[in-house]
């Protein structure tokens, strides 16, 4: 995923989201690609899509990577989901 990471690092979140989407087409259970696409989608203001990706990342990664849980919780908190 080096190209996707480069696009994200350069602030090209559309390109990053598209690249991670391509990775997910190849492997729909790729939790890391779902997490990273979620980050890109969140930067683009697509919170519902980002949340969907975070949910997929949590489901597929389980407890092996707390980043997915943290990203999901941060997104919900930022959007007053717990209010």
PDB file of N, CA and C in Angstrom:
ATOM      1  N   UNK A   1       0.790  -1.193   0.000  1.00  0.00           N
ATOM      2  CA  UNK A   1       0.000   0.000   0.000  1.00  0.00           C
ATOM      3  C   UNK A   1       0.846   1.278   0.000  1.00  0.00           C
ATOM      4  N   UNK A   2       2.053   1.247  -0.542  1.00  0.00           N
ATOM      5  CA  UNK A   2       2.875   2.447  -0.500  1.00  0.00           C
ATOM      6  C   UNK A   2       2.291   3.618  -1.296  1.00  0.00           C
ATOM      7  N   UNK A   3       1.681   3.372  -2.450  1.00  0.00           N
ATOM      8  CA  UNK A   3       1.106   4.456  -3.239  1.00  0.00           C
ATOM      9  C   UNK A   3      -0.049   5.127  -2.531  1.00  0.00           C
ATOM     10  N   UNK A   4      -0.871   4.319  -1.871  1.00  0.00           N
ATOM     11  CA  UNK A   4      -2.009   4.855  -1.144  1.00  0.00           C
ATOM     12  C   UNK A   4      -1.532   5.735   0.006  1.00  0.00           C
ATOM     13  N   UNK A   5      -0.515   5.255   0.713  1.00  0.00           N
ATOM     14  CA  UNK A   5       0.023   6.007   1.849  1.00  0.00           C
ATOM     15  C   UNK A   5       0.632   7.319   1.379  1.00  0.00           C
ATOM     16  N   UNK A   6       1.290   7.300   0.232  1.00  0.00           N
ATOM     17  CA  UNK A   6       1.888   8.522  -0.295  1.00  0.00           C
ATOM     18  C   UNK A   6       0.807   9.531  -0.639  1.00  0.00           C
ATOM     19  N   UNK A   7      -0.259   9.079  -1.266  1.00  0.00           N
ATOM     20  CA  UNK A   7      -1.361   9.983  -1.616  1.00  0.00           C
ATOM     21  C   UNK A   7      -1.950  10.603  -0.355  1.00  0.00           C
ATOM     22  N   UNK A   8      -2.134   9.787   0.673  1.00  0.00           N
ATOM     23  CA  UNK A   8      -2.683  10.293   1.935  1.00  0.00           C
ATOM     24  C   UNK A   8      -1.734  11.315   2.546  1.00  0.00           C
ATOM     25  N   UNK A   9      -0.447  10.982   2.585  1.00  0.00           N
ATOM     26  CA  UNK A   9       0.545  11.869   3.189  1.00  0.00           C
ATOM     27  C   UNK A   9       0.631  13.202   2.457  1.00  0.00           C
ATOM     28  N   UNK A  10       0.372  13.182   1.158  1.00  0.00           N
ATOM     29  CA  UNK A  10       0.413  14.407   0.372  1.00  0.00           C
ATOM     30  C   UNK A  10      -0.896  15.192   0.446  1.00  0.00           C
ATOM     31  N   UNK A  11      -1.869  14.650   1.172  1.00  0.00           N
ATOM     32  CA  UNK A  11      -3.148  15.337   1.305  1.00  0.00           C
ATOM     33  C   UNK A  11      -4.100  15.087   0.166  1.00  0.00           C
ATOM     34  N   UNK A  12      -3.778  14.135  -0.696  1.00  0.00           N
ATOM     35  CA  UNK A  12      -4.665  13.793  -1.811  1.00  0.00           C
ATOM     36  C   UNK A  12      -5.593  12.681  -1.342  1.00  0.00           C
ATOM     37  N   UNK A  13      -6.577  13.065  -0.537  1.00  0.00           N
ATOM     38  CA  UNK A  13      -7.447  12.090   0.111  1.00  0.00           C
ATOM     39  C   UNK A  13      -8.372  11.385  -0.873  1.00  0.00           C
ATOM     40  N   UNK A  14      -8.742  12.064  -1.957  1.00  0.00           N
ATOM     41  CA  UNK A  14      -9.551  11.403  -2.987  1.00  0.00           C
ATOM     42  C   UNK A  14      -8.773  10.245  -3.610  1.00  0.00           C
ATOM     43  N   UNK A  15      -7.529  10.516  -3.978  1.00  0.00           N
ATOM     44  CA  UNK A  15      -6.700   9.470  -4.587  1.00  0.00           C
ATOM     45  C   UNK A  15      -6.436   8.341  -3.598  1.00  0.00           C
ATOM     46  N   UNK A  16      -6.207   8.695  -2.348  1.00  0.00           N
ATOM     47  CA  UNK A  16      -5.968   7.667  -1.332  1.00  0.00           C
ATOM     48  C   UNK A  16      -7.209   6.798  -1.153  1.00  0.00           C
ATOM     49  N   UNK A  17      -8.377   7.433  -1.049  1.00  0.00           N
ATOM     50  CA  UNK A  17      -9.618   6.669  -0.878  1.00  0.00           C
ATOM     51  C   UNK A  17      -9.855   5.754  -2.071  1.00  0.00           C
ATOM     52  N   UNK A  18      -9.588   6.253  -3.274  1.00  0.00           N
ATOM     53  CA  UNK A  18      -9.761   5.429  -4.478  1.00  0.00           C
ATOM     54  C   UNK A  18      -8.794   4.245  -4.484  1.00  0.00           C
ATOM     55  N   UNK A  19      -7.558   4.490  -4.076  1.00  0.00           N
ATOM     56  CA  UNK A  19      -6.563   3.418  -4.067  1.00  0.00           C
ATOM     57  C   UNK A  19      -6.911   2.355  -3.029  1.00  0.00           C
ATOM     58  N   UNK A  20      -7.370   2.789  -1.859  1.00  0.00           N
ATOM     59  CA  UNK A  20      -7.761   1.808  -0.844  1.00  0.00           C
ATOM     60  C   UNK A  20      -9.027   1.068  -1.263  1.00  0.00           C
ATOM     61  N   UNK A  21      -9.908   1.743  -1.989  1.00  0.00           N
ATOM     62  CA  UNK A  21     -11.104   1.072  -2.512  1.00  0.00           C
ATOM     63  C   UNK A  21     -10.694  -0.032  -3.473  1.00  0.00           C
ATOM     64  N   UNK A  22      -9.694   0.244  -4.285  1.00  0.00           N
ATOM     65  CA  UNK A  22      -9.191  -0.776  -5.213  1.00  0.00           C
ATOM     66  C   UNK A  22      -8.614  -1.968  -4.438  1.00  0.00           C
ATOM     67  N   UNK A  23      -7.888  -1.688  -3.380  1.00  0.00           N
ATOM     68  CA  UNK A  23      -7.348  -2.766  -2.549  1.00  0.00           C
ATOM     69  C   UNK A  23      -8.478  -3.599  -1.957  1.00  0.00           C
ATOM     70  N   UNK A  24      -9.553  -2.932  -1.547  1.00  0.00           N
ATOM     71  CA  UNK A  24     -10.691  -3.658  -0.962  1.00  0.00           C
ATOM     72  C   UNK A  24     -11.454  -4.463  -2.015  1.00  0.00           C
ATOM     73  N   UNK A  25     -11.451  -4.006  -3.254  1.00  0.00           N
ATOM     74  CA  UNK A  25     -12.075  -4.813  -4.318  1.00  0.00           C
ATOM     75  C   UNK A  25     -11.310  -6.122  -4.497  1.00  0.00           C
ATOM     76  N   UNK A  26      -9.985  -6.049  -4.322  1.00  0.00           N
ATOM     77  CA  UNK A  26      -9.159  -7.243  -4.422  1.00  0.00           C
ATOM     78  C   UNK A  26      -9.308  -8.159  -3.223  1.00  0.00           C
ATOM     79  N   UNK A  27      -9.534  -7.583  -2.060  1.00  0.00           N
ATOM     80  CA  UNK A  27      -9.696  -8.357  -0.823  1.00  0.00           C
ATOM     81  C   UNK A  27     -10.681  -7.626   0.084  1.00  0.00           C
ATOM     82  N   UNK A  28     -11.970  -7.953  -0.019  1.00  0.00           N
ATOM     83  CA  UNK A  28     -12.995  -7.258   0.762  1.00  0.00           C
ATOM     84  C   UNK A  28     -12.846  -7.402   2.277  1.00  0.00           C
ATOM     85  N   UNK A  29     -11.984  -8.292   2.714  1.00  0.00           N
ATOM     86  CA  UNK A  29     -11.768  -8.502   4.145  1.00  0.00           C
ATOM     87  C   UNK A  29     -10.460  -7.869   4.630  1.00  0.00           C
ATOM     88  N   UNK A  30      -9.896  -6.973   3.831  1.00  0.00           N
ATOM     89  CA  UNK A  30      -8.644  -6.318   4.196  1.00  0.00           C
ATOM     90  C   UNK A  30      -8.946  -5.202   5.197  1.00  0.00           C
ATOM     91  N   UNK A  31      -8.833  -5.525   6.460  1.00  0.00           N
ATOM     92  CA  UNK A  31      -9.164  -4.577   7.512  1.00  0.00           C
ATOM     93  C   UNK A  31      -8.301  -3.338   7.517  1.00  0.00           C
ATOM     94  N   UNK A  32      -7.041  -3.496   7.186  1.00  0.00           N
ATOM     95  CA  UNK A  32      -6.152  -2.330   7.164  1.00  0.00           C
ATOM     96  C   UNK A  32      -6.549  -1.368   6.045  1.00  0.00           C
ATOM     97  N   UNK A  33      -6.869  -1.907   4.870  1.00  0.00           N
ATOM     98  CA  UNK A  33      -7.309  -1.043   3.769  1.00  0.00           C
ATOM     99  C   UNK A  33      -8.599  -0.328   4.149  1.00  0.00           C
ATOM    100  N   UNK A  34      -9.497  -1.025   4.841  1.00  0.00           N
ATOM    101  CA  UNK A  34     -10.748  -0.397   5.288  1.00  0.00           C
ATOM    102  C   UNK A  34     -10.457   0.727   6.282  1.00  0.00           C
ATOM    103  N   UNK A  35      -9.556   0.485   7.205  1.00  0.00           N
ATOM    104  CA  UNK A  35      -9.189   1.506   8.186  1.00  0.00           C
ATOM    105  C   UNK A  35      -8.598   2.721   7.497  1.00  0.00           C
ATOM    106  N   UNK A  36      -7.655   2.491   6.598  1.00  0.00           N
ATOM    107  CA  UNK A  36      -6.979   3.596   5.937  1.00  0.00           C
ATOM    108  C   UNK A  36      -7.930   4.363   5.015  1.00  0.00           C
ATOM    109  N   UNK A  37      -8.813   3.627   4.331  1.00  0.00           N
ATOM    110  CA  UNK A  37      -9.804   4.326   3.507  1.00  0.00           C
ATOM    111  C   UNK A  37     -10.722   5.152   4.405  1.00  0.00           C
ATOM    112  N   UNK A  38     -11.078   4.604   5.558  1.00  0.00           N
ATOM    113  CA  UNK A  38     -11.897   5.354   6.503  1.00  0.00           C
ATOM    114  C   UNK A  38     -11.239   6.662   6.902  1.00  0.00           C
ATOM    115  N   UNK A  39      -9.936   6.627   7.166  1.00  0.00           N
ATOM    116  CA  UNK A  39      -9.219   7.855   7.501  1.00  0.00           C
ATOM    117  C   UNK A  39      -9.322   8.866   6.361  1.00  0.00           C
ATOM    118  N   UNK A  40      -9.113   8.397   5.118  1.00  0.00           N
ATOM    119  CA  UNK A  40      -9.190   9.300   3.961  1.00  0.00           C
ATOM    120  C   UNK A  40     -10.602   9.854   3.805  1.00  0.00           C
ATOM    121  N   UNK A  41     -11.601   8.988   3.941  1.00  0.00           N
ATOM    122  CA  UNK A  41     -12.983   9.436   3.799  1.00  0.00           C
ATOM    123  C   UNK A  41     -13.353  10.438   4.890  1.00  0.00           C
ATOM    124  N   UNK A  42     -12.848  10.217   6.085  1.00  0.00           N
ATOM    125  CA  UNK A  42     -13.115  11.160   7.174  1.00  0.00           C
ATOM    126  C   UNK A  42     -12.531  12.532   6.835  1.00  0.00           C
ATOM    127  N   UNK A  43     -11.323  12.558   6.286  1.00  0.00           N
ATOM    128  CA  UNK A  43     -10.708  13.824   5.881  1.00  0.00           C
ATOM    129  C   UNK A  43     -11.535  14.527   4.811  1.00  0.00           C
ATOM    130  N   UNK A  44     -12.240  13.748   3.992  1.00  0.00           N
ATOM    131  CA  UNK A  44     -13.081  14.312   2.934  1.00  0.00           C
ATOM    132  C   UNK A  44     -14.464  14.721   3.445  1.00  0.00           C
ATOM    133  N   UNK A  45     -14.715  14.512   4.738  1.00  0.00           N
ATOM    134  CA  UNK A  45     -16.001  14.866   5.315  1.00  0.00           C
ATOM    135  C   UNK A  45     -17.095  13.845   5.074  1.00  0.00           C
ATOM    136  N   UNK A  46     -16.724  12.670   4.620  1.00  0.00           N
ATOM    137  CA  UNK A  46     -17.695  11.609   4.334  1.00  0.00           C
ATOM    138  C   UNK A  46     -17.802  10.700   5.568  1.00  0.00           C
ATOM    139  N   UNK A  47     -18.400  11.245   6.621  1.00  0.00           N
ATOM    140  CA  UNK A  47     -18.383  10.569   7.912  1.00  0.00           C
ATOM    141  C   UNK A  47     -19.146   9.243   7.909  1.00  0.00           C
ATOM    142  N   UNK A  48     -20.276   9.175   7.236  1.00  0.00           N
ATOM    143  CA  UNK A  48     -21.019   7.909   7.215  1.00  0.00           C
ATOM    144  C   UNK A  48     -20.221   6.806   6.517  1.00  0.00           C
ATOM    145  N   UNK A  49     -19.578   7.168   5.408  1.00  0.00           N
ATOM    146  CA  UNK A  49     -18.751   6.186   4.700  1.00  0.00           C
ATOM    147  C   UNK A  49     -17.548   5.785   5.548  1.00  0.00           C
ATOM    148  N   UNK A  50     -16.951   6.764   6.220  1.00  0.00           N
ATOM    149  CA  UNK A  50     -15.805   6.471   7.089  1.00  0.00           C
ATOM    150  C   UNK A  50     -16.225   5.531   8.215  1.00  0.00           C
ATOM    151  N   UNK A  51     -17.372   5.795   8.806  1.00  0.00           N
ATOM    152  CA  UNK A  51     -17.856   4.936   9.887  1.00  0.00           C
ATOM    153  C   UNK A  51     -18.085   3.509   9.396  1.00  0.00           C
ATOM    154  N   UNK A  52     -18.624   3.378   8.210  1.00  0.00           N
ATOM    155  CA  UNK A  52     -18.825   2.045   7.633  1.00  0.00           C
ATOM    156  C   UNK A  52     -17.487   1.314   7.488  1.00  0.00           C
ATOM    157  N   UNK A  53     -16.465   2.046   7.024  1.00  0.00           N
ATOM    158  CA  UNK A  53     -15.146   1.421   6.878  1.00  0.00           C
ATOM    159  C   UNK A  53     -14.537   1.077   8.229  1.00  0.00           C
ATOM    160  N   UNK A  54     -14.716   1.949   9.216  1.00  0.00           N
ATOM    161  CA  UNK A  54     -14.205   1.648  10.550  1.00  0.00           C
ATOM    162  C   UNK A  54     -14.896   0.406  11.115  1.00  0.00           C
ATOM    163  N   UNK A  55     -16.188   0.286  10.879  1.00  0.00           N
ATOM    164  CA  UNK A  55     -16.905  -0.909  11.335  1.00  0.00           C
ATOM    165  C   UNK A  55     -16.330  -2.166  10.693  1.00  0.00           C
ATOM    166  N   UNK A  56     -16.058  -2.095   9.391  1.00  0.00           N
ATOM    167  CA  UNK A  56     -15.467  -3.241   8.694  1.00  0.00           C
ATOM    168  C   UNK A  56     -14.080  -3.541   9.258  1.00  0.00           C
ATOM    169  N   UNK A  57     -13.308  -2.509   9.523  1.00  0.00           N
ATOM    170  CA  UNK A  57     -11.964  -2.712  10.069  1.00  0.00           C
ATOM    171  C   UNK A  57     -12.026  -3.362  11.444  1.00  0.00           C
ATOM    172  N   UNK A  58     -12.938  -2.903  12.285  1.00  0.00           N
ATOM    173  CA  UNK A  58     -13.084  -3.500  13.619  1.00  0.00           C
ATOM    174  C   UNK A  58     -13.485  -4.965  13.484  1.00  0.00           C
ATOM    175  N   UNK A  59     -14.410  -5.230  12.586  1.00  0.00           N
ATOM    176  CA  UNK A  59     -14.891  -6.606  12.390  1.00  0.00           C
ATOM    177  C   UNK A  59     -13.785  -7.523  11.885  1.00  0.00           C
ATOM    178  N   UNK A  60     -13.008  -7.074  10.928  1.00  0.00           N
ATOM    179  CA  UNK A  60     -12.010  -7.947  10.314  1.00  0.00           C
ATOM    180  C   UNK A  60     -10.700  -8.007  11.100  1.00  0.00           C
ATOM    181  N   UNK A  61     -10.335  -6.910  11.744  1.00  0.00           N
ATOM    182  CA  UNK A  61      -9.085  -6.911  12.507  1.00  0.00           C
ATOM    183  C   UNK A  61      -9.277  -7.419  13.931  1.00  0.00           C
ATOM    184  N   UNK A  62     -10.506  -7.367  14.412  1.00  0.00           N
ATOM    185  CA  UNK A  62     -10.762  -7.801  15.776  1.00  0.00           C
ATOM    186  C   UNK A  62      -9.952  -6.960  16.746  1.00  0.00           C
ATOM    187  N   UNK A  63      -9.389  -7.597  17.721  1.00  0.00           N
ATOM    188  CA  UNK A  63      -8.593  -6.884  18.710  1.00  0.00           C
ATOM    189  C   UNK A  63      -7.136  -6.758  18.331  1.00  0.00           C
ATOM    190  N   UNK A  64      -6.772  -7.187  17.122  1.00  0.00           N
ATOM    191  CA  UNK A  64      -5.362  -7.174  16.745  1.00  0.00           C
ATOM    192  C   UNK A  64      -4.825  -5.769  16.486  1.00  0.00           C
ATOM    193  N   UNK A  65      -5.704  -4.809  16.233  1.00  0.00           N
ATOM    194  CA  UNK A  65      -5.264  -3.442  15.978  1.00  0.00           C
ATOM    195  C   UNK A  65      -6.264  -2.478  16.602  1.00  0.00           C
ATOM    196  N   UNK A  66      -5.918  -1.883  17.730  1.00  0.00           N
ATOM    197  CA  UNK A  66      -6.861  -0.969  18.392  1.00  0.00           C
ATOM    198  C   UNK A  66      -7.103   0.318  17.610  1.00  0.00           C
ATOM    199  N   UNK A  67      -6.315   0.581  16.577  1.00  0.00           N
ATOM    200  CA  UNK A  67      -6.490   1.807  15.799  1.00  0.00           C
ATOM    201  C   UNK A  67      -7.891   1.910  15.208  1.00  0.00           C
ATOM    202  N   UNK A  68      -8.455   0.787  14.799  1.00  0.00           N
ATOM    203  CA  UNK A  68      -9.794   0.804  14.210  1.00  0.00           C
ATOM    204  C   UNK A  68     -10.829   1.208  15.252  1.00  0.00           C
ATOM    205  N   UNK A  69     -10.713   0.663  16.446  1.00  0.00           N
ATOM    206  CA  UNK A  69     -11.643   1.027  17.522  1.00  0.00           C
ATOM    207  C   UNK A  69     -11.495   2.500  17.906  1.00  0.00           C
ATOM    208  N   UNK A  70     -10.265   2.957  17.975  1.00  0.00           N
ATOM    209  CA  UNK A  70     -10.005   4.344  18.341  1.00  0.00           C
ATOM    210  C   UNK A  70     -10.542   5.291  17.269  1.00  0.00           C
ATOM    211  N   UNK A  71     -10.297   4.984  16.007  1.00  0.00           N
ATOM    212  CA  UNK A  71     -10.785   5.830  14.913  1.00  0.00           C
ATOM    213  C   UNK A  71     -12.302   5.914  14.934  1.00  0.00           C
ATOM    214  N   UNK A  72     -12.946   4.779  15.159  1.00  0.00           N
ATOM    215  CA  UNK A  72     -14.410   4.743  15.207  1.00  0.00           C
ATOM    216  C   UNK A  72     -14.928   5.588  16.366  1.00  0.00           C
ATOM    217  N   UNK A  73     -14.343   5.411  17.533  1.00  0.00           N
ATOM    218  CA  UNK A  73     -14.774   6.167  18.711  1.00  0.00           C
ATOM    219  C   UNK A  73     -14.533   7.666  18.526  1.00  0.00           C
ATOM    220  N   UNK A  74     -13.389   8.029  17.972  1.00  0.00           N
ATOM    221  CA  UNK A  74     -13.087   9.445  17.750  1.00  0.00           C
ATOM    222  C   UNK A  74     -14.081  10.073  16.777  1.00  0.00           C
ATOM    223  N   UNK A  75     -14.425   9.348  15.723  1.00  0.00           N
ATOM    224  CA  UNK A  75     -15.381   9.870  14.749  1.00  0.00           C
ATOM    225  C   UNK A  75     -16.756  10.073  15.386  1.00  0.00           C
ATOM    226  N   UNK A  76     -17.184   9.099  16.143  1.00  0.00           N
ATOM    227  CA  UNK A  76     -18.479   9.217  16.800  1.00  0.00           C
ATOM    228  C   UNK A  76     -18.487  10.364  17.806  1.00  0.00           C
ATOM    229  N   UNK A  77     -17.423  10.490  18.576  1.00  0.00           N
ATOM    230  CA  UNK A  77     -17.327  11.566  19.554  1.00  0.00           C
ATOM    231  C   UNK A  77     -17.319  12.929  18.874  1.00  0.00           C
ATOM    232  N   UNK A  78     -16.571  13.052  17.781  1.00  0.00           N
ATOM    233  CA  UNK A  78     -16.474  14.317  17.070  1.00  0.00           C
ATOM    234  C   UNK A  78     -17.800  14.742  16.464  1.00  0.00           C
ATOM    235  N   UNK A  79     -18.662  13.783  16.231  1.00  0.00           N
ATOM    236  CA  UNK A  79     -19.961  14.080  15.628  1.00  0.00           C
ATOM    237  C   UNK A  79     -21.095  13.972  16.638  1.00  0.00           C
ATOM    238  N   UNK A  80     -20.759  14.084  17.909  1.00  0.00           N
ATOM    239  CA  UNK A  80     -21.725  14.105  18.992  1.00  0.00           C
ATOM    240  C   UNK A  80     -22.650  12.891  18.999  1.00  0.00           C
ATOM    241  N   UNK A  81     -22.130  11.740  18.597  1.00  0.00           N
ATOM    242  CA  UNK A  81     -22.947  10.526  18.595  1.00  0.00           C
ATOM    243  C   UNK A  81     -23.294  10.054  19.991  1.00  0.00           C
ATOM    244  N   UNK A  82     -22.525  10.515  20.976  1.00  0.00           N
ATOM    245  CA  UNK A  82     -22.767  10.080  22.342  1.00  0.00           C
ATOM    246  C   UNK A  82     -23.556  11.115  23.143  1.00  0.00           C
ATOM    247  N   UNK A  83     -23.922  12.214  22.499  1.00  0.00           N
ATOM    248  CA  UNK A  83     -24.630  13.295  23.203  1.00  0.00           C
ATOM    249  C   UNK A  83     -26.079  12.908  23.506  1.00  0.00           C
TER     250      UNK A  83
END
